[in-house]
Every structure is written in C-alpha cells, then in structure tokens.
Amino acid sequence: MIRIIAAFIFLLVFLIISIPLIGVDCLIRLFSKEASDMMALVVVTWAFRVLWFISGIKLEVNGEENIPDEAVLFVSNHRSIFDIVILYGYLGKKKRLTGFVAKKETRNLPVIGWWMRLLHCRFLDRKDIRQGMQVILECIEEVKNGICIVIYPEGTRGKSEDETQIAPFREGSLKIAVKAGSKIVPVAMSNTRAIFEEHLPFLKGNRVRMTFGQAIDVKDYSKDEQKHLGEMTRTRIEEILKSSPRGVER
C-alpha cells in the first residue's frame, strides 16, 4: 500500500512541476533542438528511475554489448506498463535518445502526452491502416536522423502465466528497420508483471531481468526473408526467455 501511495504522490507532484519545465523545454527548442531533446530525455529518465526506486525494482541487465553504437529499432515483448518505464529509464541513463510507438489514447494524457511528443514518440491508431503507415514512415525518418525507436509488435500486453509464450508480431512495424537500413535489437523482459499487474492495485518490489539479444542486421537478409523479420525477432526473444533461468530471484 505504501508503495502505490508514494508512486501516486510522486506522479502528481511531477505532473505539476512538469508544466513549467515543458514550457522551458519548448523555449529551448526555438534555439537548439538538440538541447531540447537532451533536457526532455534527462527529465523523463530521472522520473522513471525515481519510479524504479519507489516500486522497489531491482534490475538485472544482460547483453548490453549487443547494442550497436548507432540508431536502432528496439523490439521487445510486452507484459506490463512498467516495461517502458524500465527500458526507457535504462536507455535514457545511457543518453540514447529514443522514441517509442504508443497507443493513440496516450497522446491526450495531460502533461504525459506532452513529454511523449518532445521525446519523439509516435501515436498509433490500430484501426486506421493509413494512419498506421504514416506512423511507420515517421519512425523511419526518426531512425535515419539518429533516434532509436522502441516498438511492441504484439499489439497488447501479454497475460499468459508462461512469459515465454509471446503473441505473433505484426510484421508491418518491422518495416521501420528495413526502410531505415537500421539494425534490430531484440529485447526480452522478464518478471515485469510481478511489479504491478499480478497484484493490482498494489506495487510490489521485485527483481526484473532485461536482456538485449544479438542485433539483427536487415542487410544480411534477402527481400523475401525481410518479410518475416517479425517472426525471426519473436523467435529470438522466446529463445532468450527459454534459455534464461526460470523466474527471477526476488
């Protein structure tokens, strides 16, 4: 109970403080887009890592050496609302400017939606194919401009008790890497549901494992093989989850 109350109070205070900070960031953007990007990255990363502390998250990271020193497409399994808090909080600490594709509904969240726009996030309407293609095109340009993108191709959070069971990936989203000529980095998240979803509405401190798989260079594959990059990436994430020790020490 204490953790969820503390998290709620922190979020409320952060949202209030964010209003003038966003104004400052927008003012900075008039003179330097790079400085504006870095300010947004630092502020949001700090907020996410405070949430780590409040929630009692102990993070184990494996495969960091598999992340190329260039803009890439991070492709992850998705089981918890804390997935992005953990992944973004980690990448932000490494000063990797990263946007992610989110549901269109998050665009209208007070203050949070503003930060997401500043951080190059894109908002997807899954029912609108044309709008979905536009989002992919925008993400392609972001990657070409040196900004990493995170996607969750399952389309929704997995609820299976067996976290090695991942829903089929939507192949269309992997076109970001194909058209941008970037590498794909598989990300396997383990035990994130144990933080919140398994005992709603409470937060429980837990150990989480995040593993970066070996990067997939789309240039190594034929055009026909590139049509199946989603399944290829999904298989790699499943293999990581299955080869890792079952469960995470809590």
C-alpha atoms as a PDB file:
ATOM      1  CA  MET A   1       0.000   0.000   0.000  1.00  0.00           C
ATOM      2  CA  ILE A   2       2.813   2.430   0.887  1.00  0.00           C
ATOM      3  CA  ARG A   3       4.493   1.967  -2.500  1.00  0.00           C
ATOM      4  CA  ILE A   4       1.378   2.715  -4.557  1.00  0.00           C
ATOM      5  CA  ILE A   5       0.579   5.788  -2.461  1.00  0.00           C
ATOM      6  CA  ALA A   6       4.155   7.050  -2.778  1.00  0.00           C
ATOM      7  CA  ALA A   7       4.083   6.448  -6.542  1.00  0.00           C
ATOM      8  CA  PHE A   8       0.786   8.311  -6.890  1.00  0.00           C
ATOM      9  CA  ILE A   9       2.067  11.292  -4.887  1.00  0.00           C
ATOM     10  CA  PHE A  10       5.298  11.406  -6.893  1.00  0.00           C
ATOM     11  CA  LEU A  11       3.444  11.298 -10.211  1.00  0.00           C
ATOM     12  CA  LEU A  12       1.086  14.056  -9.092  1.00  0.00           C
ATOM     13  CA  VAL A  13       3.977  16.296  -8.000  1.00  0.00           C
ATOM     14  CA  PHE A  14       5.935  15.504 -11.169  1.00  0.00           C
ATOM     15  CA  LEU A  15       2.987  16.388 -13.401  1.00  0.00           C
ATOM     16  CA  ILE A  16       2.564  19.733 -11.643  1.00  0.00           C
ATOM     17  CA  ILE A  17       6.267  20.581 -11.809  1.00  0.00           C
ATOM     18  CA  SER A  18       6.370  19.414 -15.439  1.00  0.00           C
ATOM     19  CA  ILE A  19       4.123  22.188 -16.702  1.00  0.00           C
ATOM     20  CA  PRO A  20       6.728  24.986 -16.366  1.00  0.00           C
ATOM     21  CA  LEU A  21       9.527  22.560 -17.328  1.00  0.00           C
ATOM     22  CA  ILE A  22       7.788  21.783 -20.611  1.00  0.00           C
ATOM     23  CA  GLY A  23       7.488  25.499 -21.245  1.00  0.00           C
ATOM     24  CA  VAL A  24      11.229  25.898 -20.676  1.00  0.00           C
ATOM     25  CA  ASP A  25      11.946  22.956 -22.969  1.00  0.00           C
ATOM     26  CA  CYS A  26       9.785  24.406 -25.744  1.00  0.00           C
ATOM     27  CA  LEU A  27      11.592  27.727 -25.386  1.00  0.00           C
ATOM     28  CA  ILE A  28      14.967  25.997 -25.630  1.00  0.00           C
ATOM     29  CA  ARG A  29      13.740  24.162 -28.741  1.00  0.00           C
ATOM     30  CA  LEU A  30      13.406  27.508 -30.529  1.00  0.00           C
ATOM     31  CA  PHE A  31      17.199  27.868 -30.325  1.00  0.00           C
ATOM     32  CA  SER A  32      18.506  24.291 -30.143  1.00  0.00           C
ATOM     33  CA  LYS A  33      16.558  21.141 -30.934  1.00  0.00           C
ATOM     34  CA  GLU A  34      19.430  19.002 -29.616  1.00  0.00           C
ATOM     35  CA  ALA A  35      19.474  20.769 -26.242  1.00  0.00           C
ATOM     36  CA  SER A  36      15.694  20.478 -26.018  1.00  0.00           C
ATOM     37  CA  ASP A  37      15.852  16.750 -26.777  1.00  0.00           C
ATOM     38  CA  MET A  38      18.508  16.231 -24.124  1.00  0.00           C
ATOM     39  CA  MET A  39      16.557  18.155 -21.487  1.00  0.00           C
ATOM     40  CA  ALA A  40      13.422  16.073 -22.124  1.00  0.00           C
ATOM     41  CA  LEU A  41      15.487  12.872 -22.032  1.00  0.00           C
ATOM     42  CA  VAL A  42      17.141  13.762 -18.719  1.00  0.00           C
ATOM     43  CA  VAL A  43      13.894  14.843 -17.027  1.00  0.00           C
ATOM     44  CA  VAL A  44      11.847  11.808 -18.070  1.00  0.00           C
ATOM     45  CA  THR A  45      14.693   9.374 -17.367  1.00  0.00           C
ATOM     46  CA  TRP A  46      15.039  10.818 -13.869  1.00  0.00           C
ATOM     47  CA  ALA A  47      11.287  10.462 -13.264  1.00  0.00           C
ATOM     48  CA  PHE A  48      11.274   6.849 -14.456  1.00  0.00           C
ATOM     49  CA  ARG A  49      14.233   5.933 -12.265  1.00  0.00           C
ATOM     50  CA  VAL A  50      12.550   7.502  -9.244  1.00  0.00           C
ATOM     51  CA  LEU A  51       9.601   5.218 -10.008  1.00  0.00           C
ATOM     52  CA  TRP A  52      12.051   2.297 -10.048  1.00  0.00           C
ATOM     53  CA  PHE A  53      13.142   3.241  -6.537  1.00  0.00           C
ATOM     54  CA  ILE A  54       9.614   3.758  -5.210  1.00  0.00           C
ATOM     55  CA  SER A  55       8.417   0.493  -6.760  1.00  0.00           C
ATOM     56  CA  GLY A  56      11.369  -1.470  -5.386  1.00  0.00           C
ATOM     57  CA  ILE A  57      12.603  -2.595  -8.796  1.00  0.00           C
ATOM     58  CA  LYS A  58      15.966  -4.371  -8.864  1.00  0.00           C
ATOM     59  CA  LEU A  59      17.125  -4.567 -12.468  1.00  0.00           C
ATOM     60  CA  GLU A  60      19.420  -7.212 -13.944  1.00  0.00           C
ATOM     61  CA  VAL A  61      20.683  -6.272 -17.408  1.00  0.00           C
ATOM     62  CA  ASN A  62      22.273  -8.749 -19.798  1.00  0.00           C
ATOM     63  CA  GLY A  63      23.642  -8.329 -23.322  1.00  0.00           C
ATOM     64  CA  GLU A  64      24.377  -4.614 -23.193  1.00  0.00           C
ATOM     65  CA  GLU A  65      27.308  -5.291 -25.513  1.00  0.00           C
ATOM     66  CA  ASN A  66      24.789  -6.283 -28.214  1.00  0.00           C
ATOM     67  CA  ILE A  67      23.547  -2.705 -28.610  1.00  0.00           C
ATOM     68  CA  PRO A  68      25.265  -1.068 -31.612  1.00  0.00           C
ATOM     69  CA  ASP A  69      26.563   2.467 -31.270  1.00  0.00           C
ATOM     70  CA  GLU A  70      24.009   3.773 -33.766  1.00  0.00           C
ATOM     71  CA  ALA A  71      20.270   4.365 -34.073  1.00  0.00           C
ATOM     72  CA  VAL A  72      18.445   1.027 -33.942  1.00  0.00           C
ATOM     73  CA  LEU A  73      14.967  -0.421 -33.699  1.00  0.00           C
ATOM     74  CA  PHE A  74      14.412  -1.978 -30.269  1.00  0.00           C
ATOM     75  CA  VAL A  75      11.795  -4.743 -30.456  1.00  0.00           C
ATOM     76  CA  SER A  76      10.502  -6.064 -27.147  1.00  0.00           C
ATOM     77  CA  ASN A  77       7.954  -8.440 -25.685  1.00  0.00           C
ATOM     78  CA  HIS A  78       5.302  -6.619 -23.668  1.00  0.00           C
ATOM     79  CA  ARG A  79       3.806  -7.774 -20.377  1.00  0.00           C
ATOM     80  CA  SER A  80       3.499  -4.745 -18.111  1.00  0.00           C
ATOM     81  CA  ILE A  81       3.016  -0.987 -18.041  1.00  0.00           C
ATOM     82  CA  PHE A  82       6.415  -0.982 -16.351  1.00  0.00           C
ATOM     83  CA  ASP A  83       8.155  -2.319 -19.480  1.00  0.00           C
ATOM     84  CA  ILE A  84       8.616   1.146 -20.932  1.00  0.00           C
ATOM     85  CA  VAL A  85       9.476   2.654 -17.540  1.00  0.00           C
ATOM     86  CA  ILE A  86      12.315   0.152 -17.159  1.00  0.00           C
ATOM     87  CA  LEU A  87      13.572   0.081 -20.756  1.00  0.00           C
ATOM     88  CA  TYR A  88      13.370   3.844 -21.276  1.00  0.00           C
ATOM     89  CA  GLY A  89      14.842   4.565 -17.867  1.00  0.00           C
ATOM     90  CA  TYR A  90      17.805   2.377 -18.757  1.00  0.00           C
ATOM     91  CA  LEU A  91      18.381   3.726 -22.275  1.00  0.00           C
ATOM     92  CA  GLY A  92      17.952   7.309 -21.104  1.00  0.00           C
ATOM     93  CA  LYS A  93      20.646   6.860 -18.475  1.00  0.00           C
ATOM     94  CA  LYS A  94      22.935   5.816 -21.330  1.00  0.00           C
ATOM     95  CA  LYS A  95      21.980   9.087 -23.095  1.00  0.00           C
ATOM     96  CA  ARG A  96      20.408   7.223 -26.021  1.00  0.00           C
ATOM     97  CA  LEU A  97      17.729   9.482 -27.499  1.00  0.00           C
ATOM     98  CA  THR A  98      14.797   7.142 -28.008  1.00  0.00           C
ATOM     99  CA  GLY A  99      11.172   7.434 -29.038  1.00  0.00           C
ATOM    100  CA  PHE A 100       8.558   4.711 -28.926  1.00  0.00           C
ATOM    101  CA  VAL A 101       5.308   3.813 -30.608  1.00  0.00           C
ATOM    102  CA  ALA A 102       2.312   4.054 -28.277  1.00  0.00           C
ATOM    103  CA  LYS A 103      -1.454   3.747 -28.482  1.00  0.00           C
ATOM    104  CA  LYS A 104      -3.167   6.888 -29.781  1.00  0.00           C
ATOM    105  CA  GLU A 105      -5.053   7.265 -26.490  1.00  0.00           C
ATOM    106  CA  THR A 106      -1.851   8.177 -24.645  1.00  0.00           C
ATOM    107  CA  ARG A 107      -1.463  11.259 -26.826  1.00  0.00           C
ATOM    108  CA  ASN A 108      -4.225  13.006 -24.899  1.00  0.00           C
ATOM    109  CA  LEU A 109      -2.920  12.238 -21.412  1.00  0.00           C
ATOM    110  CA  PRO A 110      -2.384  15.541 -19.569  1.00  0.00           C
ATOM    111  CA  VAL A 111       1.301  16.516 -19.405  1.00  0.00           C
ATOM    112  CA  ILE A 112       2.475  12.946 -20.094  1.00  0.00           C
ATOM    113  CA  GLY A 113       1.363  13.262 -23.711  1.00  0.00           C
ATOM    114  CA  TRP A 114       3.359  16.492 -23.998  1.00  0.00           C
ATOM    115  CA  TRP A 115       6.554  14.829 -22.783  1.00  0.00           C
ATOM    116  CA  MET A 116       5.970  11.965 -25.196  1.00  0.00           C
ATOM    117  CA  ARG A 117       5.773  14.371 -28.117  1.00  0.00           C
ATOM    118  CA  LEU A 118       9.022  16.024 -27.027  1.00  0.00           C
ATOM    119  CA  LEU A 119      10.660  12.594 -26.868  1.00  0.00           C
ATOM    120  CA  HIS A 120       9.824  11.689 -30.492  1.00  0.00           C
ATOM    121  CA  CYS A 121       7.080   9.217 -29.599  1.00  0.00           C
ATOM    122  CA  ARG A 122       4.543   8.296 -32.240  1.00  0.00           C
ATOM    123  CA  PHE A 123       0.879   7.511 -31.593  1.00  0.00           C
ATOM    124  CA  LEU A 124      -0.725   4.591 -33.398  1.00  0.00           C
ATOM    125  CA  ASP A 125      -4.378   4.073 -34.223  1.00  0.00           C
ATOM    126  CA  ARG A 126      -4.557   0.318 -34.748  1.00  0.00           C
ATOM    127  CA  LYS A 127      -7.923   0.624 -36.501  1.00  0.00           C
ATOM    128  CA  ASP A 128      -6.648   3.062 -39.123  1.00  0.00           C
ATOM    129  CA  ILE A 129      -4.335   1.360 -41.620  1.00  0.00           C
ATOM    130  CA  ARG A 130      -3.470   4.595 -43.420  1.00  0.00           C
ATOM    131  CA  GLN A 131      -2.557   6.343 -40.173  1.00  0.00           C
ATOM    132  CA  GLY A 132      -0.507   3.296 -39.169  1.00  0.00           C
ATOM    133  CA  MET A 133       1.515   3.561 -42.374  1.00  0.00           C
ATOM    134  CA  GLN A 134       2.109   7.257 -41.677  1.00  0.00           C
ATOM    135  CA  VAL A 135       3.440   6.397 -38.208  1.00  0.00           C
ATOM    136  CA  ILE A 136       5.843   3.872 -39.750  1.00  0.00           C
ATOM    137  CA  LEU A 137       7.075   6.487 -42.237  1.00  0.00           C
ATOM    138  CA  GLU A 138       7.656   8.976 -39.418  1.00  0.00           C
ATOM    139  CA  CYS A 139       9.572   6.385 -37.393  1.00  0.00           C
ATOM    140  CA  ILE A 140      11.733   5.605 -40.432  1.00  0.00           C
ATOM    141  CA  GLU A 141      12.722   9.267 -40.626  1.00  0.00           C
ATOM    142  CA  GLU A 142      13.459   9.377 -36.907  1.00  0.00           C
ATOM    143  CA  VAL A 143      15.838   6.419 -37.165  1.00  0.00           C
ATOM    144  CA  LYS A 144      17.517   7.925 -40.224  1.00  0.00           C
ATOM    145  CA  ASN A 145      18.037  11.063 -38.130  1.00  0.00           C
ATOM    146  CA  GLY A 146      19.828   9.114 -35.405  1.00  0.00           C
ATOM    147  CA  ILE A 147      16.958   8.493 -32.982  1.00  0.00           C
ATOM    148  CA  CYS A 148      16.261   4.978 -31.723  1.00  0.00           C
ATOM    149  CA  ILE A 149      12.693   3.672 -31.730  1.00  0.00           C
ATOM    150  CA  VAL A 150      11.078   1.121 -29.398  1.00  0.00           C
ATOM    151  CA  ILE A 151       8.154  -0.976 -30.620  1.00  0.00           C
ATOM    152  CA  TYR A 152       5.980  -3.687 -29.065  1.00  0.00           C
ATOM    153  CA  PRO A 153       4.770  -5.668 -32.107  1.00  0.00           C
ATOM    154  CA  GLU A 154       2.445  -7.922 -30.086  1.00  0.00           C
ATOM    155  CA  GLY A 155      -0.004  -5.027 -30.069  1.00  0.00           C
ATOM    156  CA  THR A 156      -1.091  -5.543 -26.459  1.00  0.00           C
ATOM    157  CA  ARG A 157       0.291  -6.716 -23.135  1.00  0.00           C
ATOM    158  CA  GLY A 158       0.670 -10.469 -22.733  1.00  0.00           C
ATOM    159  CA  LYS A 159      -1.207 -12.015 -19.824  1.00  0.00           C
ATOM    160  CA  SER A 160      -0.098 -15.644 -20.064  1.00  0.00           C
ATOM    161  CA  GLU A 161       1.348 -17.159 -16.888  1.00  0.00           C
ATOM    162  CA  ASP A 162       4.129 -18.540 -19.085  1.00  0.00           C
ATOM    163  CA  GLU A 163       6.124 -15.475 -20.113  1.00  0.00           C
ATOM    164  CA  THR A 164       7.964 -17.468 -22.777  1.00  0.00           C
ATOM    165  CA  GLN A 165       4.717 -17.554 -24.770  1.00  0.00           C
ATOM    166  CA  ILE A 166       4.703 -14.446 -26.977  1.00  0.00           C
ATOM    167  CA  ALA A 167       1.866 -13.455 -29.291  1.00  0.00           C
ATOM    168  CA  PRO A 168       2.660 -13.203 -33.028  1.00  0.00           C
ATOM    169  CA  PHE A 169       4.413  -9.991 -34.046  1.00  0.00           C
ATOM    170  CA  ARG A 170       2.849  -7.646 -36.569  1.00  0.00           C
ATOM    171  CA  GLU A 171       5.275  -7.724 -39.461  1.00  0.00           C
ATOM    172  CA  GLY A 172       4.401  -4.236 -40.742  1.00  0.00           C
ATOM    173  CA  SER A 173       6.121  -2.484 -37.843  1.00  0.00           C
ATOM    174  CA  LEU A 174       9.447  -4.129 -38.711  1.00  0.00           C
ATOM    175  CA  LYS A 175       9.473  -2.159 -41.981  1.00  0.00           C
ATOM    176  CA  ILE A 176      10.935   0.657 -39.902  1.00  0.00           C
ATOM    177  CA  ALA A 177      14.255  -1.173 -39.790  1.00  0.00           C
ATOM    178  CA  VAL A 178      14.068  -2.325 -43.412  1.00  0.00           C
ATOM    179  CA  LYS A 179      13.398   1.122 -44.867  1.00  0.00           C
ATOM    180  CA  ALA A 180      15.765   2.939 -42.492  1.00  0.00           C
ATOM    181  CA  GLY A 181      18.519   0.377 -43.056  1.00  0.00           C
ATOM    182  CA  SER A 182      18.949   0.022 -39.296  1.00  0.00           C
ATOM    183  CA  LYS A 183      19.628  -2.971 -37.107  1.00  0.00           C
ATOM    184  CA  ILE A 184      17.015  -4.626 -34.913  1.00  0.00           C
ATOM    185  CA  VAL A 185      17.839  -5.291 -31.269  1.00  0.00           C
ATOM    186  CA  PRO A 186      15.576  -7.921 -29.642  1.00  0.00           C
ATOM    187  CA  VAL A 187      14.722  -7.129 -26.008  1.00  0.00           C
ATOM    188  CA  ALA A 188      13.475  -9.816 -23.629  1.00  0.00           C
ATOM    189  CA  MET A 189      11.725  -8.539 -20.499  1.00  0.00           C
ATOM    190  CA  SER A 190      11.167 -10.974 -17.653  1.00  0.00           C
ATOM    191  CA  ASN A 191       9.164 -10.717 -14.408  1.00  0.00           C
ATOM    192  CA  THR A 192       7.767  -7.237 -15.046  1.00  0.00           C
ATOM    193  CA  ARG A 193       4.163  -8.310 -14.348  1.00  0.00           C
ATOM    194  CA  ALA A 194       5.252  -9.178 -10.810  1.00  0.00           C
ATOM    195  CA  ILE A 195       5.672  -5.468 -10.072  1.00  0.00           C
ATOM    196  CA  PHE A 196       2.044  -4.439 -10.552  1.00  0.00           C
ATOM    197  CA  GLU A 197      -0.308  -6.476 -12.732  1.00  0.00           C
ATOM    198  CA  GLU A 198      -0.119  -9.683 -10.667  1.00  0.00           C
ATOM    199  CA  HIS A 199      -1.429  -7.957  -7.539  1.00  0.00           C
ATOM    200  CA  LEU A 200      -3.455  -4.939  -8.616  1.00  0.00           C
ATOM    201  CA  PRO A 201      -3.791  -2.271  -7.304  1.00  0.00           C
ATOM    202  CA  PHE A 202      -0.605  -2.653  -5.283  1.00  0.00           C
ATOM    203  CA  LEU A 203       3.074  -2.320  -6.177  1.00  0.00           C
ATOM    204  CA  LYS A 204       5.497  -4.968  -5.027  1.00  0.00           C
ATOM    205  CA  GLY A 205       9.270  -4.738  -5.152  1.00  0.00           C
ATOM    206  CA  ASN A 206      10.739  -7.373  -7.461  1.00  0.00           C
ATOM    207  CA  ARG A 207      13.791  -8.277  -9.479  1.00  0.00           C
ATOM    208  CA  VAL A 208      13.437  -7.844 -13.220  1.00  0.00           C
ATOM    209  CA  ARG A 209      15.634  -9.243 -15.955  1.00  0.00           C
ATOM    210  CA  MET A 210      16.158  -7.317 -19.205  1.00  0.00           C
ATOM    211  CA  THR A 211      18.227  -8.984 -21.911  1.00  0.00           C
ATOM    212  CA  PHE A 212      19.372  -7.435 -25.179  1.00  0.00           C
ATOM    213  CA  GLY A 213      19.795 -10.086 -27.861  1.00  0.00           C
ATOM    214  CA  GLN A 214      22.296 -10.064 -30.681  1.00  0.00           C
ATOM    215  CA  ALA A 215      21.437  -7.360 -33.199  1.00  0.00           C
ATOM    216  CA  ILE A 216      19.773  -8.402 -36.448  1.00  0.00           C
ATOM    217  CA  ASP A 217      21.230  -6.624 -39.477  1.00  0.00           C
ATOM    218  CA  VAL A 218      18.426  -6.476 -42.055  1.00  0.00           C
ATOM    219  CA  LYS A 219      21.015  -6.038 -44.807  1.00  0.00           C
ATOM    220  CA  ASP A 220      22.071  -9.645 -44.270  1.00  0.00           C
ATOM    221  CA  TYR A 221      18.699 -10.920 -45.466  1.00  0.00           C
ATOM    222  CA  SER A 222      17.003 -11.116 -48.844  1.00  0.00           C
ATOM    223  CA  LYS A 223      13.864  -9.124 -49.592  1.00  0.00           C
ATOM    224  CA  ASP A 224      11.793 -12.270 -49.152  1.00  0.00           C
ATOM    225  CA  GLU A 225      13.411 -13.023 -45.784  1.00  0.00           C
ATOM    226  CA  GLN A 226      12.850  -9.432 -44.668  1.00  0.00           C
ATOM    227  CA  LYS A 227       9.109 -10.059 -44.902  1.00  0.00           C
ATOM    228  CA  HIS A 228       9.465 -12.384 -41.901  1.00  0.00           C
ATOM    229  CA  LEU A 229      11.658 -10.253 -39.637  1.00  0.00           C
ATOM    230  CA  GLY A 230       8.869 -10.064 -37.059  1.00  0.00           C
ATOM    231  CA  GLU A 231       8.709 -13.827 -36.651  1.00  0.00           C
ATOM    232  CA  MET A 232      12.503 -14.016 -36.657  1.00  0.00           C
ATOM    233  CA  THR A 233      12.778 -11.417 -33.883  1.00  0.00           C
ATOM    234  CA  ARG A 234       9.956 -13.012 -31.879  1.00  0.00           C
ATOM    235  CA  THR A 235      11.724 -16.375 -32.052  1.00  0.00           C
ATOM    236  CA  ARG A 236      14.955 -14.840 -30.780  1.00  0.00           C
ATOM    237  CA  ILE A 237      13.188 -13.232 -27.834  1.00  0.00           C
ATOM    238  CA  GLU A 238      11.471 -16.525 -26.995  1.00  0.00           C
ATOM    239  CA  GLU A 239      14.824 -18.319 -27.156  1.00  0.00           C
ATOM    240  CA  ILE A 240      16.343 -15.804 -24.743  1.00  0.00           C
ATOM    241  CA  LEU A 241      13.462 -16.244 -22.296  1.00  0.00           C
ATOM    242  CA  LYS A 242      13.583 -20.034 -22.533  1.00  0.00           C
ATOM    243  CA  SER A 243      17.370 -20.213 -22.134  1.00  0.00           C
ATOM    244  CA  SER A 244      17.415 -17.876 -19.130  1.00  0.00           C
ATOM    245  CA  PRO A 245      16.985 -19.308 -15.624  1.00  0.00           C
ATOM    246  CA  ARG A 246      13.279 -19.725 -14.972  1.00  0.00           C
ATOM    247  CA  GLY A 247      11.983 -16.916 -12.844  1.00  0.00           C
ATOM    248  CA  VAL A 248      13.975 -14.110 -11.317  1.00  0.00           C
ATOM    249  CA  GLU A 249      15.298 -14.172  -7.782  1.00  0.00           C
ATOM    250  CA  ARG A 250      13.165 -11.808  -5.758  1.00  0.00           C
END
